[in-house]
Amino acid sequence: MSNEHNYNILAQSYMRPANIFLVAYISMCSLNGVKNIATSKRKTKYDDYDYDEKSTSRWDYLPDILLEDIFSRLSIRERYYASQVCRNWNRIFYSKKVWETFILGDKTLTRRKFNYYMGDQYVLDHHRTQLCLHKVARGFRKLVIKPMENFHNLYEFMTILSYFCENFESLVMIRSLDFTFGCELSPEVARGRDKVFGTGGKLLEALKRLMDDLKGLKHLSLQDLLLEKEEAKYLLDDVVYNCGETIQSLKLINCSKEPYAMLHPVCFVNIHTLTISPQHLGEENVLLLANTQLRNLYLLQTKQTENAVPVSFKIWRECSKISPRLRVHHILDGPVETQVIWQDGAPIRSIIYDTPEIKVSISCIFHASNIYCNTLEVFAYLGIPEYQLQESFEDRPDTSLILLSRCCPFLDTLVIRDRISTATILLLASQSRNLRRLVVRRRGLIQKCDWPHNPEWSDSFYDWLRKTSVSIEKTKSEVSRILECVWHPLTEEEFRCFKLQRT
């Protein structure tokens, strides 16, 4: 097979916007690292063709570790196309490293079938699914089930996978299961009805059967199941029995329609990270969680999260005494319309708004600086704002942010997406005691000092503030000097991609 033929097949499968970087990745490696392989005189078992070593880069001889990394980033269809390039790439296609993460979507392992009433439909191909499991399932380490419109395909895939585990090969090597139910993709919601339906019935039975068969789980995530209380009560019974000592991280988001305190998380003796909706917390399970190995408790609110009654101040104080190393975090994700469900007395370490639709609330900043002043370390608004920003100093959050930095002595990270003046940036950097990371948008900066003279400030300090804030470059230089690191405001693209690493 000629190098030109390889490139033509590769171009047909890779020339998509999401995969352009892979072509550049291959090209760079083929021109640099693989050149030595192409000029080597040692003959391998794949040298059945005549190559012109001066004109070819021998893409088929890329290192296995590089090919496995590239194949793992492709969809199943694209992996198949790439496997047709040459025999070496076909060998890589069956590598366990390539199939460590298996993602199930609406069109995964499906075939198109014409329906007289609804037109073309994608239905699960049972034969293709069985071949896939027999050939590559032993390489699965993480199983991700995305929200799907076709609930029948979802049910059949889980049933086939469970049957495969019970009769052919036990998939104890699967360490992670991430299941998200498409509650907003149901036909009832699509027709415009207000009510959102959750899982249950046969789907719930198939999910519980699958979790019972995966006996080596270390990480489990269940989102938007929206069960009834009686169904949620027995949701994780089999998981506790099989994986009570192996589960290390657990994510339970909107597992019930109504507020219900779930006791299953306290049964995992080696759990260190728990992400849960506030509606699943209660006084009893908070105290029980304090007696486990739990170190990070993330209270995650989404669009489907119901309003819940916060845990009392007394219980949180008791929890902090039992487990002084416990770190609690508030996170709002997605198009959330409600504010944070405040947990007075909880050892809150971070408050993260990953919701571009919600405005920066001055009252929220005041409230956080009041009840979490002794523990708060991270305060962040992520994403490009999708609302009109305020220009006047009175309507902007400048003063409340300064109050937050003064009231929270352990504040380490501050991420601001609203408009803010360069003078406020200088004040935050100079007056915060432990601030190490200050992230702002370049487009949101206003180059001026609109702060009135504070009686606490000396004339020299106010003069420095006024002269330095008139220029972005001067502000960058002074903030870098104060924080003792190279500091600069982020561009729109950099801020959009910025993510906080959870600790």
Protein backbone atom coordinates (compact mmCIF):
# COMPACT_ATOMS: atom_id res chain seq x y z
CA MET A 1 0.00 0.00 0.00
CA SER A 2 1.49 3.32 -1.04
CA ASN A 3 1.91 6.28 1.25
CA GLU A 4 -0.39 8.32 -0.98
CA HIS A 5 -3.11 5.69 -0.64
CA ASN A 6 -2.70 5.80 3.15
CA TYR A 7 -3.13 9.53 3.14
CA ASN A 8 -6.27 9.42 0.98
CA ILE A 9 -8.02 6.97 3.32
CA LEU A 10 -6.86 8.94 6.33
CA ALA A 11 -8.15 12.20 4.90
CA GLN A 12 -11.61 10.74 4.31
CA SER A 13 -12.00 9.79 7.98
CA TYR A 14 -10.07 12.59 9.71
CA MET A 15 -10.87 15.73 7.75
CA ARG A 16 -13.45 17.07 10.19
CA PRO A 17 -13.19 20.23 12.29
CA ALA A 18 -12.92 18.25 15.53
CA ASN A 19 -10.12 16.03 14.20
CA ILE A 20 -7.91 18.47 12.30
CA PHE A 21 -5.50 18.60 15.22
CA LEU A 22 -5.02 14.84 14.95
CA VAL A 23 -3.79 15.18 11.37
CA ALA A 24 -1.34 17.85 12.53
CA TYR A 25 -0.34 15.58 15.38
CA ILE A 26 0.39 12.72 13.00
CA SER A 27 2.20 14.95 10.53
CA MET A 28 4.46 16.40 13.19
CA CYS A 29 5.38 13.00 14.56
CA SER A 30 5.83 11.49 11.11
CA LEU A 31 8.23 14.26 10.13
CA ASN A 32 10.22 14.16 13.37
CA GLY A 33 10.03 10.99 15.45
CA VAL A 34 9.24 8.47 12.72
CA LYS A 35 11.93 9.59 10.29
CA ASN A 36 14.46 7.38 12.06
CA ILE A 37 12.16 4.39 11.76
CA ALA A 38 11.63 5.01 8.05
CA THR A 39 15.37 5.07 7.36
CA SER A 40 16.17 2.04 9.53
CA LYS A 41 17.63 -0.96 7.72
CA ARG A 42 16.04 -3.48 10.09
CA LYS A 43 13.25 -5.37 8.29
CA THR A 44 10.00 -5.98 10.16
CA LYS A 45 7.09 -8.31 9.50
CA TYR A 46 5.16 -5.43 7.91
CA ASP A 47 7.77 -4.76 5.21
CA ASP A 48 5.91 -6.51 2.38
CA TYR A 49 5.80 -3.48 0.09
CA ASP A 50 8.40 -1.49 -1.73
CA TYR A 51 8.77 1.98 -0.24
CA ASP A 52 10.77 4.92 -1.40
CA GLU A 53 12.45 5.84 1.88
CA LYS A 54 13.31 9.32 0.64
CA SER A 55 9.75 10.28 -0.27
CA THR A 56 7.68 8.56 2.40
CA SER A 57 7.19 9.33 6.07
CA ARG A 58 5.86 5.82 6.83
CA TRP A 59 2.74 6.84 8.77
CA ASP A 60 1.94 3.17 9.27
CA TYR A 61 5.00 2.87 11.51
CA LEU A 62 4.07 5.46 14.10
CA PRO A 63 4.87 4.28 17.64
CA ASP A 64 2.15 2.18 19.27
CA ILE A 65 1.77 4.56 22.20
CA LEU A 66 1.06 7.42 19.79
CA LEU A 67 -1.34 5.44 17.64
CA GLU A 68 -3.25 4.22 20.71
CA ASP A 69 -3.63 7.78 21.96
CA ILE A 70 -4.95 8.95 18.57
CA PHE A 71 -7.36 6.03 18.14
CA SER A 72 -8.75 6.54 21.64
CA ARG A 73 -9.83 10.08 20.69
CA LEU A 74 -11.92 8.94 17.71
CA SER A 75 -15.48 7.71 17.49
CA ILE A 76 -16.10 4.02 16.81
CA ARG A 77 -16.85 4.71 13.14
CA GLU A 78 -13.67 6.76 12.70
CA ARG A 79 -11.62 4.08 14.44
CA TYR A 80 -12.94 1.54 11.98
CA TYR A 81 -12.06 3.73 8.99
CA ALA A 82 -8.56 4.29 10.36
CA SER A 83 -8.12 0.55 10.90
CA GLN A 84 -8.50 0.01 7.14
CA VAL A 85 -5.38 2.06 6.32
CA CYS A 86 -2.85 -0.74 6.90
CA ARG A 87 -2.30 -3.91 8.88
CA ASN A 88 -0.39 -2.17 11.64
CA TRP A 89 -3.25 0.26 12.24
CA ASN A 90 -5.68 -2.64 12.13
CA ARG A 91 -3.66 -4.27 14.91
CA ILE A 92 -3.84 -1.08 16.98
CA PHE A 93 -7.62 -1.03 16.51
CA TYR A 94 -7.91 -4.09 18.81
CA SER A 95 -5.53 -2.73 21.46
CA LYS A 96 -7.01 -2.59 24.99
CA LYS A 97 -5.64 0.92 25.46
CA VAL A 98 -7.83 2.19 22.60
CA TRP A 99 -11.04 0.92 24.22
CA GLU A 100 -10.44 1.98 27.81
CA THR A 101 -13.31 4.50 27.57
CA PHE A 102 -16.49 3.34 25.80
CA ILE A 103 -19.08 6.06 25.17
CA LEU A 104 -22.66 5.09 24.30
CA GLY A 105 -24.67 7.70 22.40
CA ASP A 106 -27.83 7.76 20.32
CA LYS A 107 -26.10 6.45 17.16
CA THR A 108 -23.52 4.13 18.73
CA LEU A 109 -23.69 0.59 17.27
CA THR A 110 -26.95 1.37 15.45
CA ARG A 111 -28.28 0.86 11.94
CA ARG A 112 -30.77 2.98 10.08
CA LYS A 113 -34.25 1.51 9.69
CA PHE A 114 -37.20 3.10 7.87
CA ASN A 115 -40.36 3.58 9.91
CA TYR A 116 -43.56 4.21 7.92
CA TYR A 117 -44.85 6.79 10.42
CA MET A 118 -41.62 8.42 11.69
CA GLY A 119 -39.24 8.00 8.76
CA ASP A 120 -35.65 6.82 9.24
CA GLN A 121 -34.88 5.63 12.77
CA TYR A 122 -31.61 4.48 14.30
CA VAL A 123 -32.08 1.15 16.06
CA LEU A 124 -29.48 -0.84 17.97
CA ASP A 125 -27.80 -3.47 15.79
CA HIS A 126 -27.69 -6.57 18.00
CA HIS A 127 -25.20 -8.45 15.82
CA ARG A 128 -22.80 -5.51 15.68
CA THR A 129 -23.12 -5.00 19.44
CA GLN A 130 -22.32 -8.66 20.16
CA LEU A 131 -19.28 -8.56 17.86
CA CYS A 132 -18.07 -5.39 19.54
CA LEU A 133 -18.36 -6.91 23.01
CA HIS A 134 -16.64 -10.17 22.06
CA LYS A 135 -13.78 -8.39 20.27
CA VAL A 136 -12.96 -5.39 22.46
CA ALA A 137 -15.05 -5.46 25.67
CA ARG A 138 -12.14 -6.88 27.68
CA GLY A 139 -10.41 -3.53 27.18
CA PHE A 140 -13.24 -1.49 28.76
CA ARG A 141 -12.25 0.42 31.88
CA LYS A 142 -14.76 3.30 31.83
CA LEU A 143 -18.34 3.07 30.56
CA VAL A 144 -20.07 6.37 29.75
CA ILE A 145 -23.78 6.37 28.87
CA LYS A 146 -24.81 9.77 27.57
CA PRO A 147 -28.39 11.14 27.54
CA MET A 148 -30.26 9.30 24.78
CA GLU A 149 -33.54 10.01 23.00
CA ASN A 150 -34.19 6.39 22.09
CA PHE A 151 -34.90 4.72 25.43
CA HIS A 152 -35.46 1.36 23.70
CA ASN A 153 -31.86 1.35 22.39
CA LEU A 154 -30.62 2.25 25.86
CA TYR A 155 -32.57 -0.58 27.46
CA GLU A 156 -31.42 -3.15 24.88
CA PHE A 157 -27.75 -2.18 25.16
CA MET A 158 -27.75 -2.50 28.96
CA THR A 159 -29.56 -5.84 28.68
CA ILE A 160 -27.07 -7.20 26.12
CA LEU A 161 -24.10 -6.01 28.16
CA SER A 162 -25.52 -7.62 31.31
CA TYR A 163 -26.12 -10.87 29.44
CA PHE A 164 -22.54 -10.78 28.15
CA CYS A 165 -21.22 -10.30 31.71
CA GLU A 166 -23.31 -13.14 33.09
CA ASN A 167 -22.71 -15.73 30.35
CA PHE A 168 -19.44 -14.99 28.55
CA GLU A 169 -16.95 -12.80 30.36
CA SER A 170 -17.21 -10.99 33.68
CA LEU A 171 -16.26 -7.35 33.12
CA VAL A 172 -14.69 -6.87 36.53
CA MET A 173 -12.06 -4.69 34.88
CA ILE A 174 -14.60 -1.87 34.38
CA ARG A 175 -13.70 0.63 37.09
CA SER A 176 -16.02 3.52 36.24
CA LEU A 177 -19.69 3.84 35.24
CA ASP A 178 -21.12 7.23 34.26
CA PHE A 179 -24.86 7.11 33.53
CA THR A 180 -26.91 10.19 32.65
CA PHE A 181 -30.58 9.79 31.85
CA GLY A 182 -32.00 12.03 29.11
CA CYS A 183 -34.99 13.23 31.11
CA GLU A 184 -35.34 16.34 28.91
CA LEU A 185 -35.08 14.31 25.69
CA SER A 186 -38.24 12.29 26.26
CA PRO A 187 -41.07 12.58 23.68
CA GLU A 188 -43.35 14.21 26.27
CA VAL A 189 -40.94 17.09 26.81
CA ALA A 190 -40.36 17.40 23.08
CA ARG A 191 -44.11 17.93 22.56
CA GLY A 192 -44.01 20.97 24.82
CA ARG A 193 -45.30 19.55 28.09
CA ASP A 194 -43.98 21.15 31.24
CA LYS A 195 -43.51 17.95 33.23
CA VAL A 196 -40.14 16.20 32.98
CA PHE A 197 -40.22 12.42 33.28
CA GLY A 198 -37.52 10.34 34.93
CA THR A 199 -36.49 6.74 34.55
CA GLY A 200 -38.16 3.76 36.18
CA GLY A 201 -39.81 0.45 35.30
CA LYS A 202 -37.82 -1.70 32.84
CA LEU A 203 -35.10 0.93 32.36
CA LEU A 204 -34.44 1.06 36.08
CA GLU A 205 -34.39 -2.74 36.26
CA ALA A 206 -31.84 -2.89 33.41
CA LEU A 207 -29.66 -0.25 35.09
CA LYS A 208 -29.71 -2.02 38.45
CA ARG A 209 -28.93 -5.34 36.76
CA LEU A 210 -25.97 -3.76 34.96
CA MET A 211 -24.61 -2.21 38.16
CA ASP A 212 -24.97 -5.59 39.88
CA ASP A 213 -22.84 -7.22 37.17
CA LEU A 214 -20.05 -4.61 37.36
CA LYS A 215 -18.40 -5.85 40.52
CA GLY A 216 -15.12 -3.93 40.21
CA LEU A 217 -16.44 -0.37 40.24
CA LYS A 218 -14.36 2.35 41.87
CA HIS A 219 -16.20 5.37 40.43
CA LEU A 220 -19.95 5.60 39.95
CA SER A 221 -22.00 8.51 38.59
CA LEU A 222 -25.80 8.57 38.28
CA GLN A 223 -27.49 11.74 37.05
CA ASP A 224 -31.07 12.88 36.44
CA LEU A 225 -32.80 9.59 37.20
CA LEU A 226 -35.69 11.49 38.87
CA LEU A 227 -37.03 8.43 40.66
CA GLU A 228 -39.86 8.14 43.13
CA LYS A 229 -38.81 7.96 46.77
CA GLU A 230 -39.56 4.25 47.05
CA GLU A 231 -37.45 3.50 43.97
CA ALA A 232 -34.55 5.69 45.14
CA LYS A 233 -34.59 3.91 48.50
CA TYR A 234 -33.30 0.66 46.95
CA LEU A 235 -31.32 2.10 44.04
CA LEU A 236 -27.79 1.18 45.21
CA ASP A 237 -28.44 -1.93 47.31
CA ASP A 238 -26.57 -4.25 44.95
CA VAL A 239 -23.72 -1.77 44.48
CA VAL A 240 -23.22 -1.54 48.24
CA TYR A 241 -23.16 -5.35 48.48
CA ASN A 242 -20.65 -5.83 45.63
CA CYS A 243 -18.53 -2.66 45.80
CA GLY A 244 -18.89 -1.47 49.37
CA GLU A 245 -15.12 -1.54 49.85
CA THR A 246 -13.98 -0.54 46.34
CA ILE A 247 -16.01 2.61 45.55
CA GLN A 248 -13.78 5.67 45.93
CA SER A 249 -15.86 8.40 44.31
CA LEU A 250 -19.64 8.64 43.96
CA LYS A 251 -21.85 11.10 42.11
CA LEU A 252 -25.61 11.18 42.78
CA ILE A 253 -27.34 14.07 41.02
CA ASN A 254 -31.14 14.42 40.98
CA CYS A 255 -31.75 10.73 41.63
CA SER A 256 -35.23 11.45 43.00
CA LYS A 257 -37.96 13.86 41.97
CA GLU A 258 -38.57 15.09 45.51
CA PRO A 259 -36.08 15.84 48.30
CA TYR A 260 -34.92 12.56 49.77
CA ALA A 261 -31.91 11.96 52.05
CA MET A 262 -30.03 8.98 50.60
CA LEU A 263 -28.20 6.74 53.07
CA HIS A 264 -26.32 4.62 50.53
CA PRO A 265 -23.21 6.88 50.36
CA VAL A 266 -22.40 6.27 54.03
CA CYS A 267 -22.08 2.53 53.35
CA PHE A 268 -18.98 2.91 51.15
CA VAL A 269 -16.18 2.66 53.70
CA ASN A 270 -13.36 3.89 51.41
CA ILE A 271 -15.15 6.76 49.68
CA HIS A 272 -13.11 9.96 49.49
CA THR A 273 -15.13 12.11 47.03
CA LEU A 274 -18.90 12.52 46.99
CA THR A 275 -20.80 14.75 44.55
CA ILE A 276 -24.45 14.98 45.53
CA SER A 277 -27.49 17.21 45.09
CA PRO A 278 -28.50 19.21 48.18
CA GLN A 279 -31.92 17.54 48.05
CA HIS A 280 -30.27 14.21 48.94
CA LEU A 281 -28.67 15.55 52.12
CA GLY A 282 -30.19 15.23 55.55
CA GLU A 283 -29.07 15.62 59.14
CA GLU A 284 -28.69 11.89 59.65
CA ASN A 285 -26.56 11.12 56.59
CA VAL A 286 -24.35 14.21 57.12
CA LEU A 287 -23.36 12.96 60.56
CA LEU A 288 -22.80 9.44 59.22
CA LEU A 289 -20.66 10.77 56.35
CA ALA A 290 -18.42 12.47 58.88
CA ASN A 291 -17.45 9.01 60.18
CA THR A 292 -16.27 7.75 56.75
CA GLN A 293 -13.07 8.42 54.79
CA LEU A 294 -14.81 11.27 52.92
CA ARG A 295 -12.57 14.27 52.22
CA ASN A 296 -14.43 16.28 49.55
CA LEU A 297 -18.19 16.81 49.48
CA TYR A 298 -19.47 18.63 46.37
CA LEU A 299 -23.00 20.05 46.57
CA LEU A 300 -23.95 20.28 42.90
CA GLN A 301 -27.08 22.07 41.71
CA THR A 302 -28.41 21.77 38.15
CA LYS A 303 -31.58 22.73 36.33
CA GLN A 304 -33.41 19.65 37.64
CA THR A 305 -32.39 20.14 41.27
CA GLU A 306 -35.34 20.68 43.57
CA ASN A 307 -35.35 23.26 46.35
CA ALA A 308 -34.22 21.58 49.53
CA VAL A 309 -34.13 22.46 53.20
CA PRO A 310 -30.50 23.11 54.23
CA VAL A 311 -28.89 21.11 57.00
CA SER A 312 -28.94 22.90 60.33
CA PHE A 313 -26.01 24.89 61.72
CA LYS A 314 -25.72 22.57 64.73
CA ILE A 315 -25.31 19.44 62.57
CA TRP A 316 -22.62 21.02 60.40
CA ARG A 317 -20.69 22.11 63.47
CA GLU A 318 -20.87 18.59 64.87
CA CYS A 319 -19.75 17.22 61.49
CA SER A 320 -16.72 19.55 61.47
CA LYS A 321 -15.70 18.34 64.94
CA ILE A 322 -15.92 14.67 63.93
CA SER A 323 -14.16 15.15 60.58
CA PRO A 324 -12.01 18.31 60.64
CA ARG A 325 -10.44 17.43 57.26
CA LEU A 326 -13.78 17.43 55.41
CA ARG A 327 -14.00 20.03 52.62
CA VAL A 328 -17.42 21.08 51.29
CA HIS A 329 -17.96 22.86 47.96
CA HIS A 330 -20.92 24.67 46.35
CA ILE A 331 -21.22 24.21 42.55
CA LEU A 332 -23.94 25.52 40.23
CA ASP A 333 -23.78 23.95 36.77
CA GLY A 334 -25.82 24.61 33.65
CA PRO A 335 -28.80 26.94 33.16
CA VAL A 336 -29.71 27.12 36.84
CA GLU A 337 -32.40 29.64 37.76
CA THR A 338 -32.07 29.41 41.55
CA GLN A 339 -29.29 30.61 43.81
CA VAL A 340 -27.08 28.55 46.07
CA ILE A 341 -28.81 26.56 48.81
CA TRP A 342 -26.75 28.00 51.64
CA GLN A 343 -25.47 25.61 54.31
CA ASP A 344 -24.83 27.79 57.35
CA GLY A 345 -22.03 26.38 59.49
CA ALA A 346 -20.66 24.03 56.81
CA PRO A 347 -16.90 24.07 56.11
CA ILE A 348 -17.38 25.51 52.62
CA ARG A 349 -14.08 25.82 50.75
CA SER A 350 -15.28 26.92 47.32
CA ILE A 351 -18.28 28.49 45.58
CA ILE A 352 -18.26 27.96 41.81
CA TYR A 353 -20.85 29.34 39.39
CA ASP A 354 -20.46 27.52 36.07
CA THR A 355 -23.62 29.22 34.81
CA PRO A 356 -23.16 31.95 32.18
CA GLU A 357 -26.85 32.90 32.46
CA ILE A 358 -26.73 33.97 36.12
CA LYS A 359 -25.58 37.50 36.88
CA VAL A 360 -22.95 38.11 39.50
CA SER A 361 -25.11 38.74 42.54
CA ILE A 362 -23.88 41.34 45.01
CA SER A 363 -26.16 39.90 47.70
CA CYS A 364 -24.65 36.45 47.08
CA ILE A 365 -21.13 37.80 47.60
CA PHE A 366 -22.20 39.55 50.81
CA HIS A 367 -23.87 36.38 52.07
CA ALA A 368 -20.84 34.21 51.27
CA SER A 369 -18.46 36.64 52.98
CA ASN A 370 -20.69 36.58 56.05
CA ILE A 371 -21.33 32.86 56.71
CA TYR A 372 -18.19 31.33 55.12
CA CYS A 373 -15.63 33.94 56.14
CA ASN A 374 -13.43 31.49 58.09
CA THR A 375 -13.26 28.69 55.48
CA LEU A 376 -13.78 30.07 51.95
CA GLU A 377 -10.78 29.59 49.65
CA VAL A 378 -12.22 29.74 46.10
CA PHE A 379 -14.88 32.04 44.66
CA ALA A 380 -15.42 31.80 40.91
CA TYR A 381 -17.84 32.75 38.14
CA LEU A 382 -16.89 30.68 35.06
CA GLY A 383 -17.88 31.07 31.42
CA ILE A 384 -18.50 34.04 29.16
CA PRO A 385 -21.49 36.01 30.52
CA GLU A 386 -24.69 35.81 28.47
CA TYR A 387 -26.34 38.86 30.01
CA GLN A 388 -25.90 42.62 29.76
CA LEU A 389 -22.98 43.86 31.82
CA GLN A 390 -23.20 46.99 33.95
CA GLU A 391 -21.00 50.01 33.31
CA SER A 392 -21.57 52.21 36.36
CA PHE A 393 -19.50 51.75 39.49
CA GLU A 394 -22.59 51.52 41.72
CA ASP A 395 -24.04 48.59 39.75
CA ARG A 396 -20.80 46.63 39.38
CA PRO A 397 -19.59 44.13 42.02
CA ASP A 398 -16.31 46.01 42.71
CA THR A 399 -17.09 46.98 46.31
CA SER A 400 -18.56 43.59 47.23
CA LEU A 401 -15.47 41.79 45.88
CA ILE A 402 -13.22 43.97 48.02
CA LEU A 403 -15.40 43.13 51.02
CA LEU A 404 -15.12 39.43 50.19
CA SER A 405 -11.32 39.59 50.02
CA ARG A 406 -11.16 41.40 53.37
CA CYS A 407 -13.63 39.17 55.21
CA CYS A 408 -12.19 35.88 53.93
CA PRO A 409 -8.54 35.71 55.02
CA PHE A 410 -8.01 32.28 53.42
CA LEU A 411 -9.27 33.29 49.98
CA ASP A 412 -6.78 31.81 47.52
CA THR A 413 -8.51 31.91 44.11
CA LEU A 414 -10.83 34.55 42.69
CA VAL A 415 -12.32 34.30 39.18
CA ILE A 416 -14.26 37.35 37.89
CA ARG A 417 -16.15 37.49 34.60
CA ASP A 418 -18.06 40.78 35.05
CA ARG A 419 -16.80 44.26 34.26
CA ILE A 420 -14.32 45.50 36.83
CA SER A 421 -11.91 48.42 36.94
CA THR A 422 -8.13 48.08 36.94
CA ALA A 423 -8.13 49.97 40.25
CA THR A 424 -10.21 47.18 41.81
CA ILE A 425 -7.72 44.61 40.48
CA LEU A 426 -4.90 46.50 42.20
CA LEU A 427 -6.86 46.69 45.45
CA LEU A 428 -7.65 42.98 45.38
CA ALA A 429 -4.00 42.08 44.79
CA SER A 430 -2.63 44.45 47.44
CA GLN A 431 -5.19 43.98 50.24
CA SER A 432 -5.93 40.24 50.06
CA ARG A 433 -3.83 38.29 52.52
CA ASN A 434 -3.48 34.93 50.79
CA LEU A 435 -4.68 35.57 47.23
CA ARG A 436 -2.52 33.59 44.79
CA ARG A 437 -4.66 33.25 41.68
CA LEU A 438 -6.64 36.17 40.26
CA VAL A 439 -8.41 35.46 36.95
CA VAL A 440 -10.21 38.20 34.97
CA ARG A 441 -11.33 38.81 31.39
CA ARG A 442 -9.33 41.28 29.34
CA ARG A 443 -12.51 42.53 27.66
CA GLY A 444 -14.13 43.10 31.04
CA LEU A 445 -11.43 45.45 32.36
CA ILE A 446 -12.15 49.19 32.63
CA GLN A 447 -8.95 51.25 32.62
CA LYS A 448 -9.63 53.87 35.25
CA CYS A 449 -9.79 54.56 38.96
CA ASP A 450 -13.41 55.24 39.94
CA TRP A 451 -12.85 54.65 43.63
CA PRO A 452 -13.26 57.65 45.94
CA HIS A 453 -10.51 58.43 48.41
CA ASN A 454 -10.82 56.16 51.45
CA PRO A 455 -9.82 57.71 54.79
CA GLU A 456 -7.86 54.53 55.54
CA TRP A 457 -5.62 55.10 52.53
CA SER A 458 -2.61 57.36 52.60
CA ASP A 459 -2.19 60.04 49.96
CA SER A 460 0.78 58.22 48.45
CA PHE A 461 -1.19 54.97 48.17
CA TYR A 462 -4.14 56.67 46.48
CA ASP A 463 -1.78 58.49 44.14
CA TRP A 464 -0.16 55.15 43.22
CA LEU A 465 -3.59 53.63 42.65
CA ARG A 466 -4.69 56.42 40.31
CA LYS A 467 -1.48 56.47 38.25
CA THR A 468 -1.16 52.70 37.88
CA SER A 469 -4.80 51.98 36.99
CA VAL A 470 -4.80 54.14 33.84
CA SER A 471 -2.87 51.50 31.89
CA ILE A 472 -3.30 47.75 31.43
CA GLU A 473 0.46 47.30 31.13
CA LYS A 474 1.16 49.13 34.39
CA THR A 475 -1.56 47.10 36.12
CA LYS A 476 -0.09 43.84 34.81
CA SER A 477 3.37 44.83 36.05
CA GLU A 478 2.18 45.82 39.54
CA VAL A 479 -0.09 42.80 40.03
CA SER A 480 2.74 40.49 38.91
CA ARG A 481 5.03 42.12 41.46
CA ILE A 482 2.50 41.82 44.29
CA LEU A 483 1.45 38.23 43.56
CA GLU A 484 5.06 37.26 42.78
CA CYS A 485 4.11 35.58 39.51
CA VAL A 486 3.55 36.49 35.88
CA TRP A 487 -0.03 37.81 35.75
CA HIS A 488 -2.11 38.92 32.78
CA PRO A 489 -5.87 39.12 32.01
CA LEU A 490 -7.22 36.30 29.86
CA THR A 491 -8.60 36.62 26.35
CA GLU A 492 -12.17 35.52 25.61
CA GLU A 493 -11.03 32.15 24.30
CA GLU A 494 -8.70 31.56 27.24
CA PHE A 495 -11.41 32.48 29.74
CA ARG A 496 -13.97 30.28 27.99
CA CYS A 497 -11.62 27.29 28.27
CA PHE A 498 -10.49 28.04 31.81
CA LYS A 499 -11.40 25.30 34.29
CA LEU A 500 -10.75 25.03 37.98
CA GLN A 501 -9.08 21.82 39.01
CA ARG A 502 -10.95 20.22 41.88
CA THR A 503 -8.90 19.27 44.88
